[in-house]
Amino acid sequence: MDKNYVGSIRLSQIIERKLYFLLNNDISPWDGDNADKGERDALQSMLSDSKELTEKQFESKYKTELSKLKDRFENKEYSVEDNDDYYESFNNTLVSILELLNPVNLYDLSDD
């Protein structure tokens, strides 16, 4: 049994757990054509950055990414070939991880 306190869990561990579950769970098995490729790609990118960036750099990078996605959707800057499910899943995953760092990120995604 693990005797580590919950407070000792790092963001990278949480992201690793989410990624592992996405790819290895029995509830909704990963099949490679999954609409959640956006979630996978977001988690992989954020996992790498969680080990290399400061909190401020991390938040800034992904708030900027969310802003670009928002502008892209609002201006309809995508082609017929684009997969809306991919980008929606990618976007939602970024928001869910940013919200863990600071709950205001769910509502205020402006880059400080």
N, C-alpha and C. Protein backbone atom coordinates (compact mmCIF):
# COMPACT_ATOMS: atom_id res chain seq x y z
N MET A 1 0.84 -1.18 0.00
CA MET A 1 0.00 0.00 0.00
C MET A 1 0.89 1.24 0.00
N ASP A 2 0.53 2.20 -0.81
CA ASP A 2 1.31 3.43 -0.93
C ASP A 2 1.09 4.31 0.29
N LYS A 3 2.16 4.74 0.91
CA LYS A 3 2.05 5.57 2.11
C LYS A 3 2.39 7.02 1.85
N ASN A 4 2.49 7.41 0.56
CA ASN A 4 2.75 8.80 0.23
C ASN A 4 1.48 9.63 0.45
N TYR A 5 1.68 10.84 0.92
CA TYR A 5 0.55 11.75 1.10
C TYR A 5 0.10 12.29 -0.25
N VAL A 6 -1.18 12.54 -0.36
CA VAL A 6 -1.74 13.06 -1.60
C VAL A 6 -1.02 14.35 -2.01
N GLY A 7 -0.64 15.14 -1.04
CA GLY A 7 0.05 16.40 -1.32
C GLY A 7 1.39 16.23 -2.01
N SER A 8 1.92 15.02 -2.03
CA SER A 8 3.22 14.81 -2.68
C SER A 8 3.08 14.43 -4.15
N ILE A 9 1.85 14.33 -4.65
CA ILE A 9 1.63 13.97 -6.06
C ILE A 9 1.95 15.18 -6.93
N ARG A 10 2.74 14.94 -7.98
CA ARG A 10 3.11 16.00 -8.92
C ARG A 10 2.11 16.03 -10.08
N LEU A 11 2.03 17.17 -10.73
CA LEU A 11 1.16 17.31 -11.90
C LEU A 11 1.53 16.28 -12.96
N SER A 12 2.81 16.05 -13.15
CA SER A 12 3.24 15.07 -14.16
C SER A 12 2.68 13.68 -13.84
N GLN A 13 2.57 13.33 -12.57
CA GLN A 13 2.01 12.03 -12.21
C GLN A 13 0.52 11.95 -12.53
N ILE A 14 -0.19 13.03 -12.30
CA ILE A 14 -1.61 13.07 -12.63
C ILE A 14 -1.81 12.92 -14.14
N ILE A 15 -1.00 13.64 -14.91
CA ILE A 15 -1.10 13.55 -16.36
C ILE A 15 -0.74 12.14 -16.82
N GLU A 16 0.31 11.56 -16.24
CA GLU A 16 0.69 10.18 -16.59
C GLU A 16 -0.45 9.21 -16.32
N ARG A 17 -1.12 9.38 -15.21
CA ARG A 17 -2.25 8.50 -14.85
C ARG A 17 -3.40 8.65 -15.84
N LYS A 18 -3.71 9.90 -16.21
CA LYS A 18 -4.79 10.14 -17.17
C LYS A 18 -4.43 9.51 -18.53
N LEU A 19 -3.20 9.67 -18.95
CA LEU A 19 -2.75 9.12 -20.22
C LEU A 19 -2.76 7.60 -20.19
N TYR A 20 -2.27 7.02 -19.11
CA TYR A 20 -2.27 5.57 -18.97
C TYR A 20 -3.70 5.02 -19.03
N PHE A 21 -4.60 5.67 -18.30
CA PHE A 21 -5.99 5.22 -18.29
C PHE A 21 -6.61 5.32 -19.68
N LEU A 22 -6.37 6.43 -20.36
CA LEU A 22 -6.91 6.62 -21.70
C LEU A 22 -6.48 5.49 -22.63
N LEU A 23 -5.23 5.11 -22.55
CA LEU A 23 -4.68 4.13 -23.48
C LEU A 23 -4.84 2.68 -23.05
N ASN A 24 -5.12 2.44 -21.75
CA ASN A 24 -5.08 1.06 -21.25
C ASN A 24 -6.30 0.61 -20.46
N ASN A 25 -7.36 1.36 -20.45
CA ASN A 25 -8.50 0.96 -19.63
C ASN A 25 -9.36 -0.08 -20.35
N ASP A 26 -10.14 -0.82 -19.56
CA ASP A 26 -11.04 -1.84 -20.09
C ASP A 26 -12.45 -1.30 -20.33
N ILE A 27 -12.73 -0.11 -19.86
CA ILE A 27 -14.07 0.46 -19.98
C ILE A 27 -14.33 0.91 -21.41
N SER A 28 -13.37 1.62 -21.97
CA SER A 28 -13.46 2.10 -23.34
C SER A 28 -12.10 1.89 -23.99
N PRO A 29 -11.83 0.67 -24.44
CA PRO A 29 -10.49 0.34 -24.95
C PRO A 29 -10.05 1.23 -26.12
N TRP A 30 -8.79 1.56 -26.09
CA TRP A 30 -8.18 2.37 -27.15
C TRP A 30 -8.05 1.50 -28.39
N ASP A 31 -8.48 2.03 -29.55
CA ASP A 31 -8.41 1.23 -30.76
C ASP A 31 -7.59 1.90 -31.86
N GLY A 32 -6.97 3.02 -31.58
CA GLY A 32 -6.15 3.70 -32.57
C GLY A 32 -6.94 4.63 -33.47
N ASP A 33 -8.22 4.41 -33.61
CA ASP A 33 -9.08 5.31 -34.39
C ASP A 33 -9.96 6.13 -33.46
N ASN A 34 -9.64 6.08 -32.22
CA ASN A 34 -10.44 6.72 -31.19
C ASN A 34 -10.55 8.23 -31.43
N ALA A 35 -11.73 8.77 -31.22
CA ALA A 35 -11.93 10.21 -31.35
C ALA A 35 -11.14 10.97 -30.28
N ASP A 36 -10.60 10.25 -29.31
CA ASP A 36 -9.86 10.91 -28.23
C ASP A 36 -8.37 11.03 -28.53
N LYS A 37 -8.00 10.98 -29.79
CA LYS A 37 -6.60 11.22 -30.14
C LYS A 37 -6.19 12.64 -29.72
N GLY A 38 -7.13 13.55 -29.75
CA GLY A 38 -6.84 14.91 -29.30
C GLY A 38 -6.47 14.93 -27.83
N GLU A 39 -7.18 14.14 -27.02
CA GLU A 39 -6.86 14.04 -25.60
C GLU A 39 -5.47 13.43 -25.42
N ARG A 40 -5.20 12.37 -26.15
CA ARG A 40 -3.89 11.72 -26.06
C ARG A 40 -2.77 12.69 -26.42
N ASP A 41 -2.93 13.40 -27.52
CA ASP A 41 -1.88 14.32 -27.96
C ASP A 41 -1.68 15.47 -26.97
N ALA A 42 -2.78 15.97 -26.43
CA ALA A 42 -2.68 17.05 -25.44
C ALA A 42 -1.97 16.55 -24.18
N LEU A 43 -2.34 15.38 -23.71
CA LEU A 43 -1.72 14.83 -22.50
C LEU A 43 -0.23 14.55 -22.72
N GLN A 44 0.13 14.02 -23.87
CA GLN A 44 1.54 13.75 -24.14
C GLN A 44 2.35 15.04 -24.18
N SER A 45 1.82 16.06 -24.80
CA SER A 45 2.51 17.34 -24.86
C SER A 45 2.64 17.98 -23.48
N MET A 46 1.53 17.95 -22.73
CA MET A 46 1.54 18.55 -21.39
C MET A 46 2.42 17.76 -20.43
N LEU A 47 2.49 16.45 -20.60
CA LEU A 47 3.35 15.64 -19.74
C LEU A 47 4.81 16.04 -19.95
N SER A 48 5.21 16.14 -21.17
CA SER A 48 6.58 16.54 -21.47
C SER A 48 6.89 17.93 -20.90
N ASP A 49 5.98 18.86 -21.13
CA ASP A 49 6.19 20.23 -20.66
C ASP A 49 6.11 20.34 -19.14
N SER A 50 5.35 19.47 -18.49
CA SER A 50 5.22 19.54 -17.03
C SER A 50 6.54 19.22 -16.34
N LYS A 51 7.43 18.59 -17.06
CA LYS A 51 8.73 18.23 -16.49
C LYS A 51 9.81 19.24 -16.83
N GLU A 52 9.49 20.20 -17.73
CA GLU A 52 10.51 21.11 -18.22
C GLU A 52 10.19 22.59 -17.99
N LEU A 53 8.92 22.94 -17.87
CA LEU A 53 8.53 24.35 -17.77
C LEU A 53 8.15 24.72 -16.34
N THR A 54 8.28 25.99 -16.02
CA THR A 54 7.77 26.48 -14.74
C THR A 54 6.25 26.55 -14.84
N GLU A 55 5.61 26.71 -13.71
CA GLU A 55 4.15 26.80 -13.70
C GLU A 55 3.68 27.94 -14.59
N LYS A 56 4.31 29.08 -14.48
CA LYS A 56 3.92 30.25 -15.27
C LYS A 56 4.13 30.00 -16.77
N GLN A 57 5.26 29.40 -17.13
CA GLN A 57 5.52 29.08 -18.53
C GLN A 57 4.51 28.08 -19.07
N PHE A 58 4.21 27.08 -18.26
CA PHE A 58 3.26 26.04 -18.64
C PHE A 58 1.88 26.64 -18.89
N GLU A 59 1.40 27.44 -17.94
CA GLU A 59 0.09 28.06 -18.10
C GLU A 59 0.07 28.98 -19.31
N SER A 60 1.10 29.77 -19.47
CA SER A 60 1.17 30.70 -20.59
C SER A 60 1.13 29.97 -21.93
N LYS A 61 1.92 28.91 -22.05
CA LYS A 61 1.97 28.14 -23.30
C LYS A 61 0.60 27.59 -23.66
N TYR A 62 -0.08 27.00 -22.70
CA TYR A 62 -1.35 26.34 -23.02
C TYR A 62 -2.52 27.32 -23.08
N LYS A 63 -2.44 28.43 -22.40
CA LYS A 63 -3.46 29.47 -22.58
C LYS A 63 -3.34 30.06 -23.99
N THR A 64 -2.11 30.22 -24.46
CA THR A 64 -1.88 30.71 -25.82
C THR A 64 -2.43 29.71 -26.83
N GLU A 65 -2.19 28.43 -26.58
CA GLU A 65 -2.71 27.37 -27.46
C GLU A 65 -4.24 27.41 -27.49
N LEU A 66 -4.86 27.58 -26.34
CA LEU A 66 -6.33 27.65 -26.27
C LEU A 66 -6.85 28.87 -27.01
N SER A 67 -6.15 29.97 -26.89
CA SER A 67 -6.54 31.19 -27.59
C SER A 67 -6.49 30.98 -29.11
N LYS A 68 -5.44 30.31 -29.58
CA LYS A 68 -5.33 30.02 -31.01
C LYS A 68 -6.47 29.12 -31.48
N LEU A 69 -6.78 28.10 -30.68
CA LEU A 69 -7.88 27.20 -31.04
C LEU A 69 -9.21 27.95 -31.07
N LYS A 70 -9.42 28.82 -30.09
CA LYS A 70 -10.65 29.60 -30.03
C LYS A 70 -10.77 30.49 -31.27
N ASP A 71 -9.70 31.19 -31.61
CA ASP A 71 -9.71 32.05 -32.80
C ASP A 71 -9.97 31.23 -34.06
N ARG A 72 -9.36 30.08 -34.12
CA ARG A 72 -9.51 29.20 -35.28
C ARG A 72 -10.97 28.79 -35.46
N PHE A 73 -11.61 28.42 -34.35
CA PHE A 73 -13.01 28.01 -34.43
C PHE A 73 -13.93 29.19 -34.73
N GLU A 74 -13.67 30.33 -34.07
CA GLU A 74 -14.53 31.50 -34.29
C GLU A 74 -14.43 32.03 -35.71
N ASN A 75 -13.23 31.96 -36.29
CA ASN A 75 -13.02 32.45 -37.65
C ASN A 75 -13.21 31.37 -38.70
N LYS A 76 -13.60 30.18 -38.24
CA LYS A 76 -13.84 29.04 -39.12
C LYS A 76 -12.65 28.79 -40.05
N GLU A 77 -11.45 28.81 -39.42
CA GLU A 77 -10.21 28.60 -40.17
C GLU A 77 -9.82 27.13 -40.17
N TYR A 78 -10.68 26.31 -40.71
CA TYR A 78 -10.39 24.89 -40.80
C TYR A 78 -11.01 24.36 -42.08
N SER A 79 -10.48 23.29 -42.53
CA SER A 79 -10.96 22.71 -43.78
C SER A 79 -11.92 21.56 -43.49
N VAL A 80 -12.51 21.06 -44.52
CA VAL A 80 -13.44 19.94 -44.39
C VAL A 80 -12.72 18.71 -43.83
N GLU A 81 -11.42 18.60 -44.14
CA GLU A 81 -10.65 17.45 -43.69
C GLU A 81 -10.35 17.48 -42.19
N ASP A 82 -10.46 18.66 -41.58
CA ASP A 82 -10.17 18.77 -40.15
C ASP A 82 -11.16 17.96 -39.34
N ASN A 83 -10.67 17.41 -38.27
CA ASN A 83 -11.50 16.58 -37.40
C ASN A 83 -11.91 17.40 -36.18
N ASP A 84 -13.15 17.87 -36.18
CA ASP A 84 -13.64 18.70 -35.08
C ASP A 84 -13.57 17.98 -33.74
N ASP A 85 -13.83 16.66 -33.73
CA ASP A 85 -13.77 15.90 -32.48
C ASP A 85 -12.36 15.92 -31.89
N TYR A 86 -11.36 15.84 -32.75
CA TYR A 86 -9.97 15.88 -32.31
C TYR A 86 -9.68 17.20 -31.60
N TYR A 87 -10.01 18.30 -32.25
CA TYR A 87 -9.70 19.62 -31.69
C TYR A 87 -10.52 19.92 -30.43
N GLU A 88 -11.76 19.45 -30.41
CA GLU A 88 -12.58 19.65 -29.22
C GLU A 88 -12.00 18.88 -28.04
N SER A 89 -11.60 17.64 -28.27
CA SER A 89 -11.00 16.82 -27.22
C SER A 89 -9.67 17.41 -26.77
N PHE A 90 -8.85 17.86 -27.72
CA PHE A 90 -7.57 18.50 -27.41
C PHE A 90 -7.81 19.73 -26.52
N ASN A 91 -8.74 20.57 -26.94
CA ASN A 91 -9.09 21.78 -26.20
C ASN A 91 -9.57 21.46 -24.79
N ASN A 92 -10.50 20.53 -24.68
CA ASN A 92 -11.07 20.19 -23.37
C ASN A 92 -10.03 19.62 -22.42
N THR A 93 -9.09 18.87 -22.95
CA THR A 93 -8.02 18.31 -22.12
C THR A 93 -7.11 19.41 -21.60
N LEU A 94 -6.75 20.35 -22.47
CA LEU A 94 -5.92 21.48 -22.02
C LEU A 94 -6.61 22.22 -20.88
N VAL A 95 -7.89 22.50 -21.04
CA VAL A 95 -8.64 23.22 -20.01
C VAL A 95 -8.69 22.42 -18.71
N SER A 96 -8.91 21.11 -18.79
CA SER A 96 -9.02 20.31 -17.57
C SER A 96 -7.72 20.28 -16.78
N ILE A 97 -6.58 20.24 -17.46
CA ILE A 97 -5.30 20.24 -16.76
C ILE A 97 -4.99 21.64 -16.23
N LEU A 98 -5.26 22.67 -17.01
CA LEU A 98 -5.02 24.04 -16.53
C LEU A 98 -5.90 24.35 -15.32
N GLU A 99 -7.09 23.79 -15.31
CA GLU A 99 -8.00 24.00 -14.17
C GLU A 99 -7.43 23.38 -12.89
N LEU A 100 -6.68 22.29 -13.01
CA LEU A 100 -6.05 21.69 -11.84
C LEU A 100 -5.03 22.65 -11.21
N LEU A 101 -4.33 23.40 -12.06
CA LEU A 101 -3.34 24.35 -11.56
C LEU A 101 -3.99 25.54 -10.88
N ASN A 102 -5.08 26.01 -11.48
CA ASN A 102 -5.79 27.16 -10.93
C ASN A 102 -7.22 27.12 -11.47
N PRO A 103 -8.21 26.94 -10.59
CA PRO A 103 -9.60 26.82 -11.04
C PRO A 103 -10.09 27.98 -11.90
N VAL A 104 -9.52 29.15 -11.75
CA VAL A 104 -9.95 30.29 -12.58
C VAL A 104 -9.67 30.02 -14.05
N ASN A 105 -8.74 29.12 -14.35
CA ASN A 105 -8.43 28.81 -15.75
C ASN A 105 -9.60 28.19 -16.49
N LEU A 106 -10.59 27.71 -15.78
CA LEU A 106 -11.78 27.20 -16.43
C LEU A 106 -12.57 28.35 -17.07
N TYR A 107 -12.44 29.53 -16.50
CA TYR A 107 -13.24 30.68 -16.94
C TYR A 107 -12.42 31.77 -17.60
N ASP A 108 -11.22 32.02 -17.11
CA ASP A 108 -10.38 33.11 -17.60
C ASP A 108 -9.15 32.52 -18.25
N LEU A 109 -9.16 32.43 -19.55
CA LEU A 109 -8.04 31.84 -20.26
C LEU A 109 -7.13 32.88 -20.89
N SER A 110 -7.28 34.14 -20.46
CA SER A 110 -6.39 35.17 -20.99
C SER A 110 -4.99 34.95 -20.43
N ASP A 111 -4.00 35.21 -21.25
CA ASP A 111 -2.61 35.03 -20.85
C ASP A 111 -2.17 36.23 -20.02
N ASP A 112 -1.72 35.97 -18.79
CA ASP A 112 -1.31 37.05 -17.90
C ASP A 112 0.07 37.55 -18.22
